[in-house]
N, C-alpha and C. Protein backbone atom coordinates (compact mmCIF):
# COMPACT_ATOMS: atom_id res chain seq x y z
N MET A 1 0.87 -1.17 -0.02
CA MET A 1 -0.08 0.08 -0.09
C MET A 1 0.88 1.23 0.01
N ILE A 2 1.84 1.33 0.67
CA ILE A 2 2.70 2.43 0.95
C ILE A 2 3.48 2.69 -0.34
N THR A 3 4.10 1.54 -1.14
CA THR A 3 4.60 1.85 -2.52
C THR A 3 3.72 2.41 -3.32
N ALA A 4 2.43 1.61 -3.29
CA ALA A 4 1.41 2.21 -4.48
C ALA A 4 1.04 3.47 -4.37
N ASP A 5 0.72 3.92 -3.08
CA ASP A 5 0.52 5.35 -2.72
C ASP A 5 1.57 6.50 -2.97
N SER A 6 2.86 5.93 -2.88
CA SER A 6 4.05 6.73 -3.07
C SER A 6 4.53 7.11 -4.59
N LEU A 7 4.08 5.86 -5.22
CA LEU A 7 4.08 6.13 -6.72
C LEU A 7 2.95 7.01 -7.11
N ILE A 8 1.67 6.89 -6.65
CA ILE A 8 0.69 8.14 -6.89
C ILE A 8 1.30 9.51 -6.53
N ALA A 9 1.92 9.60 -5.52
CA ALA A 9 2.70 11.05 -5.18
C ALA A 9 3.60 11.48 -6.16
N ALA A 10 4.47 10.37 -6.64
CA ALA A 10 5.58 10.73 -7.57
C ALA A 10 5.22 10.96 -8.77
N PHE A 11 4.20 10.38 -9.17
CA PHE A 11 3.66 10.80 -10.55
C PHE A 11 2.46 11.39 -10.72
N SER A 12 2.06 12.24 -9.66
CA SER A 12 1.12 13.23 -9.51
C SER A 12 1.18 14.19 -10.63
N PHE A 13 -0.23 14.61 -11.12
CA PHE A 13 -0.23 15.48 -12.16
C PHE A 13 -0.91 17.12 -11.58
N ASN A 14 -1.19 17.10 -10.42
CA ASN A 14 -1.59 18.33 -9.91
C ASN A 14 -1.47 18.21 -8.27
N TYR A 15 -1.85 19.36 -7.73
CA TYR A 15 -1.55 19.25 -6.23
C TYR A 15 -2.47 18.39 -5.56
N TYR A 16 -3.89 18.09 -6.09
CA TYR A 16 -4.43 17.43 -5.36
C TYR A 16 -4.37 15.82 -5.33
N SER A 17 -3.62 15.53 -6.40
CA SER A 17 -3.15 14.03 -6.48
C SER A 17 -2.13 13.81 -5.64
N LEU A 18 -1.15 14.87 -5.54
CA LEU A 18 -0.11 14.74 -4.75
C LEU A 18 -0.37 14.57 -3.37
N ALA A 19 -1.60 15.48 -2.82
CA ALA A 19 -1.84 15.53 -1.50
C ALA A 19 -2.53 14.15 -1.28
N LEU A 20 -3.31 13.44 -2.19
CA LEU A 20 -3.90 12.10 -1.91
C LEU A 20 -2.78 11.15 -1.75
N GLY A 21 -1.93 11.14 -2.47
CA GLY A 21 -1.03 10.06 -2.38
C GLY A 21 -0.24 10.33 -1.28
N GLY A 22 0.33 11.55 -0.71
CA GLY A 22 0.90 11.74 0.40
C GLY A 22 0.21 11.39 1.59
N VAL A 23 -1.11 11.83 1.76
CA VAL A 23 -2.00 11.45 3.00
C VAL A 23 -2.26 9.87 3.25
N THR A 24 -2.35 9.07 1.88
CA THR A 24 -2.71 7.70 2.06
C THR A 24 -1.55 6.93 2.17
N ALA A 25 -0.37 7.31 1.75
CA ALA A 25 1.12 6.78 2.06
C ALA A 25 1.38 7.00 3.45
N ALA A 26 0.97 8.18 4.11
CA ALA A 26 1.45 8.44 5.49
C ALA A 26 0.36 7.71 6.27
N THR A 27 -0.74 7.34 5.97
CA THR A 27 -1.70 6.56 6.73
C THR A 27 -1.28 5.26 6.97
N GLY A 28 -0.82 4.72 5.68
CA GLY A 28 -0.32 3.33 5.68
C GLY A 28 0.94 3.14 6.55
N ALA A 29 1.94 4.13 6.20
CA ALA A 29 3.13 4.12 7.05
C ALA A 29 2.87 3.95 8.44
N GLU A 30 1.96 4.88 8.93
CA GLU A 30 1.64 5.14 10.43
C GLU A 30 1.16 3.73 11.04
N GLY A 31 0.19 3.09 10.32
CA GLY A 31 -0.42 1.82 10.81
C GLY A 31 0.92 0.85 11.17
N GLU A 32 1.95 0.90 9.85
CA GLU A 32 2.93 -0.05 9.93
C GLU A 32 3.84 0.08 11.20
N VAL A 33 3.91 1.51 11.87
CA VAL A 33 4.90 1.91 12.88
C VAL A 33 4.18 1.08 14.17
N VAL A 34 2.78 1.21 14.19
CA VAL A 34 1.96 0.80 15.31
C VAL A 34 2.15 -0.54 15.42
N VAL A 35 1.85 -1.45 14.44
CA VAL A 35 2.03 -2.81 14.42
C VAL A 35 3.35 -3.28 14.77
N SER A 36 4.40 -2.62 14.18
CA SER A 36 5.66 -3.02 14.47
C SER A 36 6.23 -3.03 16.04
N ASN A 37 5.77 -1.80 16.57
CA ASN A 37 6.05 -1.80 18.02
C ASN A 37 5.42 -2.76 19.04
N ILE A 38 4.23 -3.11 18.40
CA ILE A 38 3.33 -4.29 19.17
C ILE A 38 4.21 -5.43 18.82
N VAL A 39 4.58 -6.02 17.58
CA VAL A 39 5.53 -7.25 17.38
C VAL A 39 6.73 -7.08 18.15
N LEU A 40 7.41 -6.06 18.08
CA LEU A 40 8.73 -5.91 19.15
C LEU A 40 8.54 -6.03 20.10
N ALA A 41 7.62 -5.44 20.87
CA ALA A 41 7.33 -5.75 22.19
C ALA A 41 6.81 -7.12 22.57
N GLU A 42 6.27 -7.94 21.76
CA GLU A 42 5.96 -9.29 22.25
C GLU A 42 7.17 -10.26 21.89
N PHE A 43 7.77 -9.80 21.08
CA PHE A 43 8.98 -10.74 20.98
C PHE A 43 10.14 -10.53 21.39
N ALA A 44 10.18 -9.38 22.24
CA ALA A 44 11.46 -8.83 23.06
C ALA A 44 11.54 -9.68 24.21
N ASN A 45 12.75 -9.75 24.98
CA ASN A 45 13.06 -10.43 26.15
C ASN A 45 12.20 -9.45 27.04
N PRO A 46 11.50 -10.13 28.02
CA PRO A 46 10.80 -9.32 29.05
C PRO A 46 11.42 -8.30 29.94
N LYS A 47 12.74 -8.53 30.26
CA LYS A 47 13.62 -7.86 31.07
C LYS A 47 13.98 -6.54 30.09
N ASN A 48 13.95 -6.59 28.90
CA ASN A 48 14.31 -5.50 27.99
C ASN A 48 13.40 -5.01 26.91
N THR A 49 12.07 -5.37 27.40
CA THR A 49 11.10 -4.94 26.40
C THR A 49 10.87 -3.44 26.15
N GLY A 50 10.94 -2.70 27.42
CA GLY A 50 10.99 -1.26 27.13
C GLY A 50 12.02 -0.47 26.40
N PHE A 51 13.24 -0.87 26.73
CA PHE A 51 14.34 -0.54 26.06
C PHE A 51 14.28 -0.82 24.47
N MET A 52 13.96 -1.98 24.23
CA MET A 52 13.85 -2.36 22.85
C MET A 52 12.82 -1.57 22.09
N VAL A 53 11.81 -1.36 22.66
CA VAL A 53 10.64 -0.41 21.97
C VAL A 53 11.01 0.78 21.74
N THR A 54 11.37 1.65 22.89
CA THR A 54 11.83 2.97 22.78
C THR A 54 13.18 3.27 21.86
N SER A 55 14.22 2.46 21.94
CA SER A 55 15.29 2.79 21.22
C SER A 55 15.23 2.06 19.78
N GLY A 56 14.57 0.98 19.65
CA GLY A 56 14.27 0.80 18.28
C GLY A 56 13.66 1.57 17.36
N ASN A 57 12.59 2.45 18.03
CA ASN A 57 11.83 3.47 17.50
C ASN A 57 12.58 4.80 17.00
N THR A 58 13.34 5.13 18.31
CA THR A 58 14.28 6.29 18.17
C THR A 58 15.22 6.34 17.08
N LEU A 59 15.87 4.98 17.06
CA LEU A 59 17.12 4.77 16.06
C LEU A 59 16.46 4.85 14.77
N ALA A 60 15.34 4.15 14.64
CA ALA A 60 14.91 3.97 13.31
C ALA A 60 14.43 5.29 12.65
N PHE A 61 13.81 5.88 13.46
CA PHE A 61 13.32 7.30 12.67
C PHE A 61 14.50 8.45 12.74
N ASP A 62 15.40 8.20 13.80
CA ASP A 62 16.58 9.20 13.41
C ASP A 62 17.56 8.80 12.32
N ILE A 63 17.79 7.59 12.11
CA ILE A 63 18.65 7.14 11.01
C ILE A 63 17.60 7.46 9.54
N GLY A 64 16.38 7.34 9.73
CA GLY A 64 15.62 7.36 8.45
C GLY A 64 15.63 9.00 8.10
N ILE A 65 15.60 9.60 9.21
CA ILE A 65 15.45 11.31 8.90
C ILE A 65 16.83 11.78 8.08
N VAL A 66 17.94 11.09 8.66
CA VAL A 66 19.37 11.45 8.02
C VAL A 66 19.29 11.03 6.82
N ILE A 67 19.11 9.83 6.52
CA ILE A 67 19.33 9.32 5.24
C ILE A 67 18.21 10.14 4.36
N ALA A 68 17.03 10.50 4.67
CA ALA A 68 16.12 11.18 3.83
C ALA A 68 16.86 12.44 3.38
N LEU A 69 17.25 13.20 4.44
CA LEU A 69 17.81 14.63 4.27
C LEU A 69 19.08 14.48 3.39
N VAL A 70 20.06 13.43 3.50
CA VAL A 70 21.06 13.32 2.62
C VAL A 70 20.67 13.26 0.96
N VAL A 71 19.62 12.03 0.96
CA VAL A 71 19.23 11.79 -0.44
C VAL A 71 18.49 13.11 -1.21
N ALA A 72 17.64 13.54 -0.13
CA ALA A 72 17.02 14.84 -0.78
C ALA A 72 17.91 15.92 -1.19
N SER A 73 19.19 16.36 -0.29
CA SER A 73 19.95 17.22 -0.68
C SER A 73 20.82 16.87 -2.01
N GLU A 74 21.01 15.63 -2.22
CA GLU A 74 21.63 15.29 -3.15
C GLU A 74 20.92 15.54 -4.40
N ALA A 75 19.56 15.17 -4.38
CA ALA A 75 18.76 15.05 -5.37
C ALA A 75 18.51 16.48 -5.90
N VAL A 76 18.24 17.37 -4.96
CA VAL A 76 18.05 18.87 -5.01
C VAL A 76 19.35 19.51 -5.75
N SER A 77 20.46 19.23 -5.40
CA SER A 77 21.55 19.75 -6.01
C SER A 77 21.92 19.33 -7.24
N ARG A 78 21.45 18.13 -7.65
CA ARG A 78 21.63 17.71 -8.84
C ARG A 78 20.98 18.14 -10.17
N PHE A 79 19.69 18.53 -9.52
CA PHE A 79 18.45 19.07 -10.38
C PHE A 79 18.52 20.63 -10.51
N TYR A 80 18.80 21.39 -9.38
CA TYR A 80 19.00 22.72 -9.40
C TYR A 80 20.09 23.42 -9.65
C-alpha cells in the first residue's frame, strides 16, 4: 500500500493527486509503525521490552530522517 501510494504521489499531475498520495502513504506508514511496535514488544525479552521498543523506534526514525535529508539534498543539488 505504501509503495503504490508513494508512486501516486511521485507521478502526480496536480496538487490534489499529490496530497492524496501523501495522505494515503502516511496513513499506511503510520499503521505499520503501530504494528511493528506491538510485534517488537511481543517478541522482545521481558527484561528489555521497554528499552527495545523505545530505542528501536528512536534509532529507526533518527537514521531514516538523516538518510532522507542526505538523499533529498543530493537530488536537489543535481537538478537545481
